[in-house]
Amino acid sequence: MNTFSTDDASKIAAYRGAIVDDRFSYMTECKTVFLVFLDYLWKIMLDICQEKVNDETEISVHLEMFDPCHYIDSSVTDYVCLNFPEDKYVSHSVILPPAGGKFKGIKRKIVERMVNISPKPEKWFFENSKITKGKNYYNYSTANVNENPTVADLGEDSFYIECMECIGIDEDEWSVPDVCGGCIFSEKCVKEEM
């Protein structure tokens, strides 16, 4: 729930102690956000696979790359922790819910949850072009962001917000390969450099 919900930490804490029917209802409320999470995860996986697998005969050699479990760190239980081996800068990432027009409120709720989990994700993937991209700190408001940050600058208790604008998940974009190494796995957001 820490990964998919747009609610505050207290509602998620209540989820853990709720009866099965109430848990099911809450999971149903998160269905749309979960589907967006899957869209991004699958598209990133597809992009990685298209970069590494040159033709159909190589698929059997790289089957693990087509399995979502290959990218999920199962030792982390507080959120769906992703570890993309192609990302040279971080080993703990999370794809968070789209914030839409209520970004400040949802961002506050997500920060409230993320500061108390372990290990803390080093990169947050957010679908929102209005967000403040770049380096942020867990020990103060995400409104305070460094100028010209890079993922390589991450230190203890900091994280990097990646905007996901470079990954196309609309129906007509699934056949278009995104070069993850040049965008979401790069040292600096390519949108900031334009």
C-alpha atoms as a PDB file:
ATOM      1  CA  MET A   1       0.000   0.000   0.000  1.00  0.00           C
ATOM      2  CA  ASN A   2       2.927   2.366   0.578  1.00  0.00           C
ATOM      3  CA  THR A   3       3.623   2.070  -3.144  1.00  0.00           C
ATOM      4  CA  PHE A   4       0.125   2.421  -4.604  1.00  0.00           C
ATOM      5  CA  SER A   5      -1.914   4.527  -2.222  1.00  0.00           C
ATOM      6  CA  THR A   6      -2.379   8.295  -2.293  1.00  0.00           C
ATOM      7  CA  ASP A   7      -3.598   8.269   1.326  1.00  0.00           C
ATOM      8  CA  ASP A   8      -1.719   9.276   4.435  1.00  0.00           C
ATOM      9  CA  ALA A   9       0.308   6.960   6.672  1.00  0.00           C
ATOM     10  CA  SER A  10      -2.460   6.491   9.257  1.00  0.00           C
ATOM     11  CA  LYS A  11      -4.879   5.021   6.698  1.00  0.00           C
ATOM     12  CA  ILE A  12      -2.215   2.620   5.480  1.00  0.00           C
ATOM     13  CA  ALA A  13      -1.434   1.612   9.071  1.00  0.00           C
ATOM     14  CA  ALA A  14      -5.165   0.931   9.570  1.00  0.00           C
ATOM     15  CA  TYR A  15      -5.133  -1.236   6.440  1.00  0.00           C
ATOM     16  CA  ARG A  16      -2.636  -3.633   8.023  1.00  0.00           C
ATOM     17  CA  GLY A  17      -4.962  -4.323  10.956  1.00  0.00           C
ATOM     18  CA  ALA A  18      -8.219  -4.375   8.972  1.00  0.00           C
ATOM     19  CA  ILE A  19     -10.386  -7.415   8.325  1.00  0.00           C
ATOM     20  CA  VAL A  20     -10.127  -9.072   4.923  1.00  0.00           C
ATOM     21  CA  ASP A  21     -13.255  -7.423   3.462  1.00  0.00           C
ATOM     22  CA  ASP A  22     -12.004  -3.947   4.400  1.00  0.00           C
ATOM     23  CA  ARG A  23      -8.566  -4.732   2.951  1.00  0.00           C
ATOM     24  CA  PHE A  24     -10.188  -5.850  -0.285  1.00  0.00           C
ATOM     25  CA  SER A  25     -12.200  -2.610  -0.486  1.00  0.00           C
ATOM     26  CA  TYR A  26      -9.087  -0.556   0.068  1.00  0.00           C
ATOM     27  CA  MET A  27      -7.168  -2.513  -2.564  1.00  0.00           C
ATOM     28  CA  THR A  28     -10.041  -1.882  -4.996  1.00  0.00           C
ATOM     29  CA  GLU A  29      -9.671   1.864  -4.362  1.00  0.00           C
ATOM     30  CA  CYS A  30      -6.006   1.573  -5.408  1.00  0.00           C
ATOM     31  CA  LYS A  31      -6.713  -0.403  -8.609  1.00  0.00           C
ATOM     32  CA  THR A  32      -6.254   2.492 -11.045  1.00  0.00           C
ATOM     33  CA  VAL A  33      -2.960   3.523  -9.461  1.00  0.00           C
ATOM     34  CA  PHE A  34      -1.796  -0.104  -9.463  1.00  0.00           C
ATOM     35  CA  LEU A  35      -2.528  -0.342 -13.191  1.00  0.00           C
ATOM     36  CA  VAL A  36      -0.438   2.792 -13.848  1.00  0.00           C
ATOM     37  CA  PHE A  37       2.369   1.215 -11.789  1.00  0.00           C
ATOM     38  CA  LEU A  38       2.157  -1.914 -13.959  1.00  0.00           C
ATOM     39  CA  ASP A  39       2.130   0.172 -17.155  1.00  0.00           C
ATOM     40  CA  TYR A  40       5.397   1.843 -16.176  1.00  0.00           C
ATOM     41  CA  LEU A  41       7.032  -1.327 -14.877  1.00  0.00           C
ATOM     42  CA  TRP A  42       6.138  -3.303 -18.002  1.00  0.00           C
ATOM     43  CA  LYS A  43       7.196  -0.490 -20.358  1.00  0.00           C
ATOM     44  CA  ILE A  44      10.555  -0.087 -18.600  1.00  0.00           C
ATOM     45  CA  MET A  45      11.049  -3.869 -18.741  1.00  0.00           C
ATOM     46  CA  LEU A  46      10.128  -3.897 -22.432  1.00  0.00           C
ATOM     47  CA  ASP A  47      12.555  -1.053 -23.125  1.00  0.00           C
ATOM     48  CA  ILE A  48      15.365  -2.852 -21.272  1.00  0.00           C
ATOM     49  CA  CYS A  49      14.630  -6.087 -23.137  1.00  0.00           C
ATOM     50  CA  GLN A  50      14.530  -4.364 -26.531  1.00  0.00           C
ATOM     51  CA  GLU A  51      17.928  -2.822 -25.868  1.00  0.00           C
ATOM     52  CA  LYS A  52      19.511  -6.145 -24.891  1.00  0.00           C
ATOM     53  CA  VAL A  53      17.728  -8.731 -27.031  1.00  0.00           C
ATOM     54  CA  ASN A  54      18.512  -8.242 -30.695  1.00  0.00           C
ATOM     55  CA  ASP A  55      16.299 -10.944 -32.180  1.00  0.00           C
ATOM     56  CA  GLU A  56      13.811 -13.633 -31.184  1.00  0.00           C
ATOM     57  CA  THR A  57      16.449 -16.354 -30.984  1.00  0.00           C
ATOM     58  CA  GLU A  58      18.101 -14.556 -28.036  1.00  0.00           C
ATOM     59  CA  ILE A  59      14.943 -14.414 -25.898  1.00  0.00           C
ATOM     60  CA  SER A  60      15.524 -17.819 -24.305  1.00  0.00           C
ATOM     61  CA  VAL A  61      19.012 -16.695 -23.225  1.00  0.00           C
ATOM     62  CA  HIS A  62      17.579 -13.643 -21.430  1.00  0.00           C
ATOM     63  CA  LEU A  63      14.299 -15.004 -20.023  1.00  0.00           C
ATOM     64  CA  GLU A  64      14.910 -13.504 -16.555  1.00  0.00           C
ATOM     65  CA  MET A  65      14.682  -9.991 -18.053  1.00  0.00           C
ATOM     66  CA  PHE A  66      11.042 -10.681 -18.989  1.00  0.00           C
ATOM     67  CA  ASP A  67      10.116 -11.561 -15.388  1.00  0.00           C
ATOM     68  CA  PRO A  68       9.011  -8.675 -13.114  1.00  0.00           C
ATOM     69  CA  CYS A  69      10.479 -10.528 -10.112  1.00  0.00           C
ATOM     70  CA  HIS A  70      13.920 -10.004 -11.662  1.00  0.00           C
ATOM     71  CA  TYR A  71      13.572  -6.273 -10.914  1.00  0.00           C
ATOM     72  CA  ILE A  72      11.852  -6.487  -7.505  1.00  0.00           C
ATOM     73  CA  ASP A  73      13.920  -6.629  -4.324  1.00  0.00           C
ATOM     74  CA  SER A  74      11.917  -9.148  -2.290  1.00  0.00           C
ATOM     75  CA  SER A  75      13.924  -8.428   0.878  1.00  0.00           C
ATOM     76  CA  VAL A  76      12.137  -5.058   1.150  1.00  0.00           C
ATOM     77  CA  THR A  77       8.630  -5.478   2.561  1.00  0.00           C
ATOM     78  CA  ASP A  78       7.403  -1.903   3.158  1.00  0.00           C
ATOM     79  CA  TYR A  79       6.999  -1.031  -0.546  1.00  0.00           C
ATOM     80  CA  VAL A  80       7.552  -2.538  -3.988  1.00  0.00           C
ATOM     81  CA  CYS A  81      11.277  -1.914  -4.192  1.00  0.00           C
ATOM     82  CA  LEU A  82      12.676  -2.004  -7.702  1.00  0.00           C
ATOM     83  CA  ASN A  83      16.295  -2.609  -8.554  1.00  0.00           C
ATOM     84  CA  PHE A  84      17.023  -2.088 -12.226  1.00  0.00           C
ATOM     85  CA  PRO A  85      20.551  -3.408 -12.853  1.00  0.00           C
ATOM     86  CA  GLU A  86      20.778  -0.985 -15.792  1.00  0.00           C
ATOM     87  CA  ASP A  87      20.495   1.975 -13.386  1.00  0.00           C
ATOM     88  CA  LYS A  88      24.126   2.511 -12.353  1.00  0.00           C
ATOM     89  CA  TYR A  89      23.309   5.159  -9.744  1.00  0.00           C
ATOM     90  CA  VAL A  90      20.717   3.621  -7.388  1.00  0.00           C
ATOM     91  CA  SER A  91      19.676   0.188  -6.198  1.00  0.00           C
ATOM     92  CA  HIS A  92      16.370   1.029  -4.472  1.00  0.00           C
ATOM     93  CA  SER A  93      13.676   2.669  -6.616  1.00  0.00           C
ATOM     94  CA  VAL A  94       9.927   3.017  -6.328  1.00  0.00           C
ATOM     95  CA  ILE A  95       7.252   3.896  -8.894  1.00  0.00           C
ATOM     96  CA  LEU A  96       4.804   6.110  -7.031  1.00  0.00           C
ATOM     97  CA  PRO A  97       1.191   7.003  -7.835  1.00  0.00           C
ATOM     98  CA  PRO A  98       0.370   9.775 -10.298  1.00  0.00           C
ATOM     99  CA  ALA A  99      -0.382  12.862  -8.260  1.00  0.00           C
ATOM    100  CA  GLY A 100      -2.412  14.779 -10.830  1.00  0.00           C
ATOM    101  CA  GLY A 101      -3.764  18.194  -9.871  1.00  0.00           C
ATOM    102  CA  LYS A 102      -3.456  17.498  -6.138  1.00  0.00           C
ATOM    103  CA  PHE A 103       0.301  17.060  -6.311  1.00  0.00           C
ATOM    104  CA  LYS A 104       1.318  19.022  -3.195  1.00  0.00           C
ATOM    105  CA  GLY A 105      -1.099  17.173  -0.929  1.00  0.00           C
ATOM    106  CA  ILE A 106      -0.280  13.756  -2.347  1.00  0.00           C
ATOM    107  CA  LYS A 107       3.459  14.485  -2.260  1.00  0.00           C
ATOM    108  CA  ARG A 108       3.153  15.391   1.437  1.00  0.00           C
ATOM    109  CA  LYS A 109       1.329  12.122   2.177  1.00  0.00           C
ATOM    110  CA  ILE A 110       3.886  10.070   0.280  1.00  0.00           C
ATOM    111  CA  VAL A 111       6.817  11.771   2.031  1.00  0.00           C
ATOM    112  CA  GLU A 112       5.097  11.121   5.368  1.00  0.00           C
ATOM    113  CA  ARG A 113       5.086   7.404   4.529  1.00  0.00           C
ATOM    114  CA  MET A 114       8.513   7.123   2.922  1.00  0.00           C
ATOM    115  CA  VAL A 115      10.475   8.757   5.766  1.00  0.00           C
ATOM    116  CA  ASN A 116       9.582   5.846   8.053  1.00  0.00           C
ATOM    117  CA  ILE A 117      10.374   2.886   5.801  1.00  0.00           C
ATOM    118  CA  SER A 118      13.587   0.988   5.410  1.00  0.00           C
ATOM    119  CA  PRO A 119      15.548   0.911   3.272  1.00  0.00           C
ATOM    120  CA  LYS A 120      14.459   4.235   1.878  1.00  0.00           C
ATOM    121  CA  PRO A 121      14.155   4.362  -1.911  1.00  0.00           C
ATOM    122  CA  GLU A 122      16.957   6.340  -3.524  1.00  0.00           C
ATOM    123  CA  LYS A 123      14.896   7.190  -6.603  1.00  0.00           C
ATOM    124  CA  TRP A 124      11.207   8.031  -6.818  1.00  0.00           C
ATOM    125  CA  PHE A 125       9.569   7.632 -10.219  1.00  0.00           C
ATOM    126  CA  PHE A 126       6.658  10.095 -10.408  1.00  0.00           C
ATOM    127  CA  GLU A 127       4.294  10.572 -13.340  1.00  0.00           C
ATOM    128  CA  ASN A 128       3.854  14.337 -13.284  1.00  0.00           C
ATOM    129  CA  SER A 129       5.563  16.999 -15.352  1.00  0.00           C
ATOM    130  CA  LYS A 130       4.845  19.704 -12.758  1.00  0.00           C
ATOM    131  CA  ILE A 131       6.920  18.137 -10.012  1.00  0.00           C
ATOM    132  CA  THR A 132      10.239  19.348  -8.794  1.00  0.00           C
ATOM    133  CA  LYS A 133      12.691  16.952 -10.363  1.00  0.00           C
ATOM    134  CA  GLY A 134      16.053  16.245  -8.828  1.00  0.00           C
ATOM    135  CA  LYS A 135      17.704  15.651  -5.474  1.00  0.00           C
ATOM    136  CA  ASN A 136      15.646  15.890  -2.307  1.00  0.00           C
ATOM    137  CA  TYR A 137      16.213  14.987   1.333  1.00  0.00           C
ATOM    138  CA  TYR A 138      14.221  12.753   3.658  1.00  0.00           C
ATOM    139  CA  ASN A 139      14.971  14.937   6.673  1.00  0.00           C
ATOM    140  CA  TYR A 140      13.189  18.035   5.386  1.00  0.00           C
ATOM    141  CA  SER A 141      10.474  19.146   3.013  1.00  0.00           C
ATOM    142  CA  THR A 142      10.769  18.042  -0.593  1.00  0.00           C
ATOM    143  CA  ALA A 143      10.022  21.651  -1.503  1.00  0.00           C
ATOM    144  CA  ASN A 144      13.724  22.321  -0.818  1.00  0.00           C
ATOM    145  CA  VAL A 145      15.607  21.002  -3.821  1.00  0.00           C
ATOM    146  CA  ASN A 146      19.261  21.474  -4.835  1.00  0.00           C
ATOM    147  CA  GLU A 147      20.063  23.429  -7.960  1.00  0.00           C
ATOM    148  CA  ASN A 148      21.363  21.342 -10.870  1.00  0.00           C
ATOM    149  CA  PRO A 149      21.381  18.048  -8.981  1.00  0.00           C
ATOM    150  CA  THR A 150      22.356  14.697 -10.413  1.00  0.00           C
ATOM    151  CA  VAL A 151      21.631  11.172  -9.266  1.00  0.00           C
ATOM    152  CA  ALA A 152      25.370  10.685  -8.822  1.00  0.00           C
ATOM    153  CA  ASP A 153      25.290  13.294  -6.027  1.00  0.00           C
ATOM    154  CA  LEU A 154      23.030  11.208  -3.798  1.00  0.00           C
ATOM    155  CA  GLY A 155      24.213  10.778  -0.248  1.00  0.00           C
ATOM    156  CA  GLU A 156      22.748   9.362   2.902  1.00  0.00           C
ATOM    157  CA  ASP A 157      19.097  10.280   3.514  1.00  0.00           C
ATOM    158  CA  SER A 158      18.576  11.753   0.063  1.00  0.00           C
ATOM    159  CA  PHE A 159      16.607  10.646  -2.971  1.00  0.00           C
ATOM    160  CA  TYR A 160      16.110  11.667  -6.569  1.00  0.00           C
ATOM    161  CA  ILE A 161      12.752  12.381  -8.207  1.00  0.00           C
ATOM    162  CA  GLU A 162      12.491  11.174 -11.800  1.00  0.00           C
ATOM    163  CA  CYS A 163       9.505  12.591 -13.698  1.00  0.00           C
ATOM    164  CA  MET A 164       8.831   9.673 -16.113  1.00  0.00           C
ATOM    165  CA  GLU A 165       8.009  12.028 -19.005  1.00  0.00           C
ATOM    166  CA  CYS A 166      10.473  10.104 -21.171  1.00  0.00           C
ATOM    167  CA  ILE A 167       8.608   6.789 -20.825  1.00  0.00           C
ATOM    168  CA  GLY A 168       5.602   6.502 -23.114  1.00  0.00           C
ATOM    169  CA  ILE A 169       2.782   4.326 -21.794  1.00  0.00           C
ATOM    170  CA  ASP A 170      -0.094   5.554 -23.956  1.00  0.00           C
ATOM    171  CA  GLU A 171      -1.554   3.021 -26.410  1.00  0.00           C
ATOM    172  CA  ASP A 172       0.340   4.381 -29.409  1.00  0.00           C
ATOM    173  CA  GLU A 173       3.659   4.502 -27.504  1.00  0.00           C
ATOM    174  CA  TRP A 174       4.125   0.814 -26.599  1.00  0.00           C
ATOM    175  CA  SER A 175       5.778   0.074 -29.936  1.00  0.00           C
ATOM    176  CA  VAL A 176       8.191   2.992 -29.533  1.00  0.00           C
ATOM    177  CA  PRO A 177      11.326   1.967 -27.622  1.00  0.00           C
ATOM    178  CA  ASP A 178      12.489   4.427 -24.956  1.00  0.00           C
ATOM    179  CA  VAL A 179      16.228   4.456 -24.303  1.00  0.00           C
ATOM    180  CA  CYS A 180      16.175   4.198 -20.502  1.00  0.00           C
ATOM    181  CA  GLY A 181      19.950   4.617 -20.245  1.00  0.00           C
ATOM    182  CA  GLY A 182      19.574   8.038 -21.851  1.00  0.00           C
ATOM    183  CA  CYS A 183      16.609   9.206 -19.788  1.00  0.00           C
ATOM    184  CA  ILE A 184      15.318   7.625 -16.552  1.00  0.00           C
ATOM    185  CA  PHE A 185      18.603   5.846 -15.779  1.00  0.00           C
ATOM    186  CA  SER A 186      20.792   8.812 -16.676  1.00  0.00           C
ATOM    187  CA  GLU A 187      22.771  10.931 -14.244  1.00  0.00           C
ATOM    188  CA  LYS A 188      20.600  14.002 -14.785  1.00  0.00           C
ATOM    189  CA  CYS A 189      17.053  14.547 -16.056  1.00  0.00           C
ATOM    190  CA  VAL A 190      17.299  15.098 -19.810  1.00  0.00           C
ATOM    191  CA  LYS A 191      14.243  17.387 -19.746  1.00  0.00           C
ATOM    192  CA  GLU A 192      16.162  19.854 -17.549  1.00  0.00           C
ATOM    193  CA  GLU A 193      18.986  20.043 -20.074  1.00  0.00           C
ATOM    194  CA  MET A 194      16.727  21.302 -22.896  1.00  0.00           C
END
